[in-house]
C-alpha atoms as a PDB file:
ATOM      1  CA  MET A   1     199.253 -54.668 219.264  1.00  0.00           C
ATOM      2  CA  SER A   2     200.371 -54.205 215.994  1.00  0.00           C
ATOM      3  CA  ILE A   3     200.566 -50.871 214.431  1.00  0.00           C
ATOM      4  CA  ASP A   4     202.109 -50.569 211.387  1.00  0.00           C
ATOM      5  CA  VAL A   5     202.025 -46.832 210.000  1.00  0.00           C
ATOM      6  CA  ARG A   6     202.537 -46.214 205.842  1.00  0.00           C
ATOM      7  CA  LEU A   7     202.437 -43.865 203.202  1.00  0.00           C
ATOM      8  CA  ALA A   8     199.542 -44.768 200.762  1.00  0.00           C
ATOM      9  CA  SER A   9     200.636 -46.249 197.755  1.00  0.00           C
ATOM     10  CA  THR A  10     197.660 -47.791 196.498  1.00  0.00           C
ATOM     11  CA  PRO A  11     194.307 -46.896 195.885  1.00  0.00           C
ATOM     12  CA  ALA A  12     193.012 -49.467 198.377  1.00  0.00           C
ATOM     13  CA  GLU A  13     195.705 -47.291 201.146  1.00  0.00           C
ATOM     14  CA  ARG A  14     194.492 -43.644 200.255  1.00  0.00           C
ATOM     15  CA  GLU A  15     190.441 -45.164 200.480  1.00  0.00           C
ATOM     16  CA  ASP A  16     191.542 -46.217 204.162  1.00  0.00           C
ATOM     17  CA  ALA A  17     193.150 -43.045 205.088  1.00  0.00           C
ATOM     18  CA  PHE A  18     189.832 -41.356 203.638  1.00  0.00           C
ATOM     19  CA  ARG A  19     187.659 -44.081 205.775  1.00  0.00           C
ATOM     20  CA  VAL A  20     189.240 -43.066 208.565  1.00  0.00           C
ATOM     21  CA  ARG A  21     189.095 -38.877 207.590  1.00  0.00           C
ATOM     22  CA  ILE A  22     185.246 -39.569 207.393  1.00  0.00           C
ATOM     23  CA  ALA A  23     184.361 -41.784 210.718  1.00  0.00           C
ATOM     24  CA  VAL A  24     186.270 -38.667 212.100  1.00  0.00           C
ATOM     25  CA  PHE A  25     185.477 -35.364 211.039  1.00  0.00           C
ATOM     26  CA  VAL A  26     182.325 -36.239 208.929  1.00  0.00           C
ATOM     27  CA  ASP A  27     180.565 -38.821 211.666  1.00  0.00           C
ATOM     28  CA  GLU A  28     181.953 -37.142 215.065  1.00  0.00           C
ATOM     29  CA  GLN A  29     182.357 -33.797 214.177  1.00  0.00           C
ATOM     30  CA  ARG A  30     179.534 -33.347 211.659  1.00  0.00           C
ATOM     31  CA  ILE A  31     182.171 -31.325 209.184  1.00  0.00           C
ATOM     32  CA  PRO A  32     180.422 -31.414 205.963  1.00  0.00           C
ATOM     33  CA  ARG A  33     182.234 -34.461 203.948  1.00  0.00           C
ATOM     34  CA  GLU A  34     182.368 -31.582 200.836  1.00  0.00           C
ATOM     35  CA  GLU A  35     184.483 -29.408 203.160  1.00  0.00           C
ATOM     36  CA  GLU A  36     186.657 -32.584 204.500  1.00  0.00           C
ATOM     37  CA  LEU A  37     187.559 -33.908 201.230  1.00  0.00           C
ATOM     38  CA  ASP A  38     189.165 -31.048 198.829  1.00  0.00           C
ATOM     39  CA  ASP A  39     191.137 -30.466 195.985  1.00  0.00           C
ATOM     40  CA  LEU A  40     194.325 -31.145 198.271  1.00  0.00           C
ATOM     41  CA  ASP A  41     193.780 -34.922 198.502  1.00  0.00           C
ATOM     42  CA  GLU A  42     194.707 -35.410 194.599  1.00  0.00           C
ATOM     43  CA  THR A  43     198.414 -33.772 195.587  1.00  0.00           C
ATOM     44  CA  ALA A  44     199.080 -34.456 199.046  1.00  0.00           C
ATOM     45  CA  ILE A  45     201.347 -37.317 200.239  1.00  0.00           C
ATOM     46  CA  HIS A  46     198.754 -39.305 202.470  1.00  0.00           C
ATOM     47  CA  CYS A  47     199.613 -41.449 205.672  1.00  0.00           C
ATOM     48  CA  VAL A  48     197.717 -44.232 207.061  1.00  0.00           C
ATOM     49  CA  ALA A  49     198.220 -45.722 209.899  1.00  0.00           C
ATOM     50  CA  TYR A  50     197.014 -49.908 210.337  1.00  0.00           C
ATOM     51  CA  GLU A  51     196.288 -51.512 214.177  1.00  0.00           C
ATOM     52  CA  ASP A  52     196.762 -55.309 213.433  1.00  0.00           C
ATOM     53  CA  GLY A  53     195.133 -54.648 209.793  1.00  0.00           C
ATOM     54  CA  GLU A  54     192.256 -52.232 209.723  1.00  0.00           C
ATOM     55  CA  PRO A  55     192.767 -48.544 209.578  1.00  0.00           C
ATOM     56  CA  VAL A  56     192.868 -46.261 212.578  1.00  0.00           C
ATOM     57  CA  ALA A  57     195.142 -43.218 211.975  1.00  0.00           C
ATOM     58  CA  ALA A  58     195.048 -41.458 208.764  1.00  0.00           C
ATOM     59  CA  GLY A  59     196.898 -37.639 207.941  1.00  0.00           C
ATOM     60  CA  ARG A  60     198.392 -35.911 204.778  1.00  0.00           C
ATOM     61  CA  LEU A  61     201.262 -33.762 204.134  1.00  0.00           C
ATOM     62  CA  ALA A  62     200.928 -30.882 201.213  1.00  0.00           C
ATOM     63  CA  VAL A  63     204.242 -29.584 199.721  1.00  0.00           C
ATOM     64  CA  MET A  64     203.718 -25.940 199.752  1.00  0.00           C
ATOM     65  CA  ASN A  65     206.121 -22.593 198.239  1.00  0.00           C
ATOM     66  CA  GLY A  66     208.865 -23.967 201.120  1.00  0.00           C
ATOM     67  CA  TYR A  67     206.815 -25.707 203.429  1.00  0.00           C
ATOM     68  CA  GLY A  68     204.977 -28.722 204.624  1.00  0.00           C
ATOM     69  CA  LYS A  69     201.313 -28.538 205.190  1.00  0.00           C
ATOM     70  CA  ILE A  70     200.139 -31.009 207.473  1.00  0.00           C
ATOM     71  CA  GLY A  71     196.364 -31.781 207.285  1.00  0.00           C
ATOM     72  CA  ARG A  72     193.088 -33.867 208.508  1.00  0.00           C
ATOM     73  CA  MET A  73     195.485 -35.986 211.000  1.00  0.00           C
ATOM     74  CA  ALA A  74     192.230 -38.280 212.506  1.00  0.00           C
ATOM     75  CA  VAL A  75     192.538 -40.776 214.934  1.00  0.00           C
ATOM     76  CA  LEU A  76     189.877 -43.229 215.439  1.00  0.00           C
ATOM     77  CA  GLN A  77     187.781 -42.029 218.562  1.00  0.00           C
ATOM     78  CA  ASP A  78     188.977 -45.352 220.799  1.00  0.00           C
ATOM     79  CA  ARG A  79     191.960 -45.435 219.666  1.00  0.00           C
ATOM     80  CA  ARG A  80     193.048 -41.307 220.857  1.00  0.00           C
ATOM     81  CA  GLY A  81     195.388 -41.379 223.735  1.00  0.00           C
ATOM     82  CA  ASN A  82     198.058 -44.765 222.594  1.00  0.00           C
ATOM     83  CA  GLY A  83     200.787 -42.363 220.260  1.00  0.00           C
ATOM     84  CA  ILE A  84     199.346 -43.806 217.284  1.00  0.00           C
ATOM     85  CA  GLY A  85     198.864 -39.741 215.739  1.00  0.00           C
ATOM     86  CA  ALA A  86     202.057 -39.092 216.879  1.00  0.00           C
ATOM     87  CA  LEU A  87     203.859 -41.888 214.471  1.00  0.00           C
ATOM     88  CA  ALA A  88     201.602 -41.182 211.976  1.00  0.00           C
ATOM     89  CA  LEU A  89     202.912 -37.334 211.842  1.00  0.00           C
ATOM     90  CA  ALA A  90     205.898 -38.153 212.627  1.00  0.00           C
ATOM     91  CA  ALA A  91     206.231 -40.117 209.512  1.00  0.00           C
ATOM     92  CA  LEU A  92     204.327 -37.489 207.583  1.00  0.00           C
ATOM     93  CA  GLU A  93     207.361 -35.638 208.986  1.00  0.00           C
ATOM     94  CA  ARG A  94     210.288 -37.800 208.229  1.00  0.00           C
ATOM     95  CA  GLU A  95     208.702 -37.547 203.925  1.00  0.00           C
ATOM     96  CA  GLY A  96     208.666 -33.746 204.867  1.00  0.00           C
ATOM     97  CA  ALA A  97     212.345 -33.809 205.613  1.00  0.00           C
ATOM     98  CA  ARG A  98     213.263 -36.104 202.523  1.00  0.00           C
ATOM     99  CA  ARG A  99     211.712 -34.042 200.320  1.00  0.00           C
ATOM    100  CA  GLY A 100     214.189 -31.063 202.154  1.00  0.00           C
ATOM    101  CA  LEU A 101     211.727 -29.655 203.928  1.00  0.00           C
ATOM    102  CA  ARG A 102     212.735 -28.392 207.219  1.00  0.00           C
ATOM    103  CA  CYS A 103     209.323 -26.270 207.680  1.00  0.00           C
ATOM    104  CA  PHE A 104     205.946 -27.502 208.434  1.00  0.00           C
ATOM    105  CA  ARG A 105     203.009 -25.599 209.359  1.00  0.00           C
ATOM    106  CA  LEU A 106     199.175 -27.070 210.156  1.00  0.00           C
ATOM    107  CA  SER A 107     195.907 -26.453 211.164  1.00  0.00           C
ATOM    108  CA  ALA A 108     195.188 -27.499 214.158  1.00  0.00           C
ATOM    109  CA  GLN A 109     192.021 -27.682 216.195  1.00  0.00           C
ATOM    110  CA  LEU A 110     192.493 -26.310 219.746  1.00  0.00           C
ATOM    111  CA  SER A 111     190.610 -29.191 221.625  1.00  0.00           C
ATOM    112  CA  ALA A 112     194.395 -30.965 220.185  1.00  0.00           C
ATOM    113  CA  ARG A 113     196.992 -28.167 220.213  1.00  0.00           C
ATOM    114  CA  GLY A 114     198.322 -30.427 223.565  1.00  0.00           C
ATOM    115  CA  PHE A 115     199.094 -32.670 221.483  1.00  0.00           C
ATOM    116  CA  TYR A 116     200.816 -30.363 218.758  1.00  0.00           C
ATOM    117  CA  ASP A 117     202.777 -28.808 221.605  1.00  0.00           C
ATOM    118  CA  ARG A 118     204.174 -32.356 222.155  1.00  0.00           C
ATOM    119  CA  GLU A 119     205.446 -32.866 219.199  1.00  0.00           C
ATOM    120  CA  GLY A 120     207.092 -29.372 218.694  1.00  0.00           C
ATOM    121  CA  TYR A 121     204.612 -27.641 217.054  1.00  0.00           C
ATOM    122  CA  ALA A 122     204.521 -23.527 218.122  1.00  0.00           C
ATOM    123  CA  PRO A 123     201.720 -20.930 217.769  1.00  0.00           C
ATOM    124  CA  ALA A 124     201.603 -19.066 214.942  1.00  0.00           C
ATOM    125  CA  GLY A 125     198.626 -17.183 215.595  1.00  0.00           C
ATOM    126  CA  ASP A 126     195.855 -16.165 216.673  1.00  0.00           C
ATOM    127  CA  VAL A 127     193.072 -18.643 217.575  1.00  0.00           C
ATOM    128  CA  TYR A 128     190.267 -18.508 214.790  1.00  0.00           C
ATOM    129  CA  ASP A 129     186.920 -20.202 213.151  1.00  0.00           C
ATOM    130  CA  GLU A 130     187.326 -23.077 210.569  1.00  0.00           C
ATOM    131  CA  VAL A 131     184.122 -24.604 209.854  1.00  0.00           C
ATOM    132  CA  GLY A 132     182.588 -24.069 213.420  1.00  0.00           C
ATOM    133  CA  ILE A 133     185.370 -25.129 215.241  1.00  0.00           C
ATOM    134  CA  PRO A 134     188.335 -22.925 216.607  1.00  0.00           C
ATOM    135  CA  HIS A 135     191.417 -23.576 215.133  1.00  0.00           C
ATOM    136  CA  ILE A 136     194.868 -21.452 216.015  1.00  0.00           C
ATOM    137  CA  ALA A 137     197.976 -21.932 213.273  1.00  0.00           C
ATOM    138  CA  MET A 138     200.590 -24.438 214.113  1.00  0.00           C
ATOM    139  CA  GLU A 139     204.547 -24.407 212.861  1.00  0.00           C
ATOM    140  CA  LYS A 140     207.384 -26.769 213.651  1.00  0.00           C
ATOM    141  CA  LEU A 141     211.342 -26.543 212.314  1.00  0.00           C
ATOM    142  CA  LEU A 142     213.062 -28.496 211.614  1.00  0.00           C
ATOM    143  CA  ALA A 143     217.502 -27.866 212.450  1.00  0.00           C
ATOM    144  CA  PRO A 144     219.227 -28.010 209.033  1.00  0.00           C
END
């Protein structure tokens, strides 16, 4: 198994990231496509992970006012639990840190909270509904 995690630098890599997200959020979780793809996609930094040349994970980082907003983290169902999501998340955090960001926020599906706990994120609010799925706001601060 060869994993290659990269920031999307070409239209084809961005499309690969979108394909993973659509497979996970639209096809698997039944989130409407128009809710999944949004205006932040135009300006966000996208990450895509390839396993043996095939896209298997994706995520994005939006640079906000003083913090990085991690979002749309997705790993294909049959590839979950292999550390690929952690590699993609770390790549986004590294890029954010390179841009001077020390605070990262995200909206985690409650079912993924354990993953984000292990990656150093802490709850930053109460559970709420987003697109019919329970979520919780989480935050991570990097050391200066």
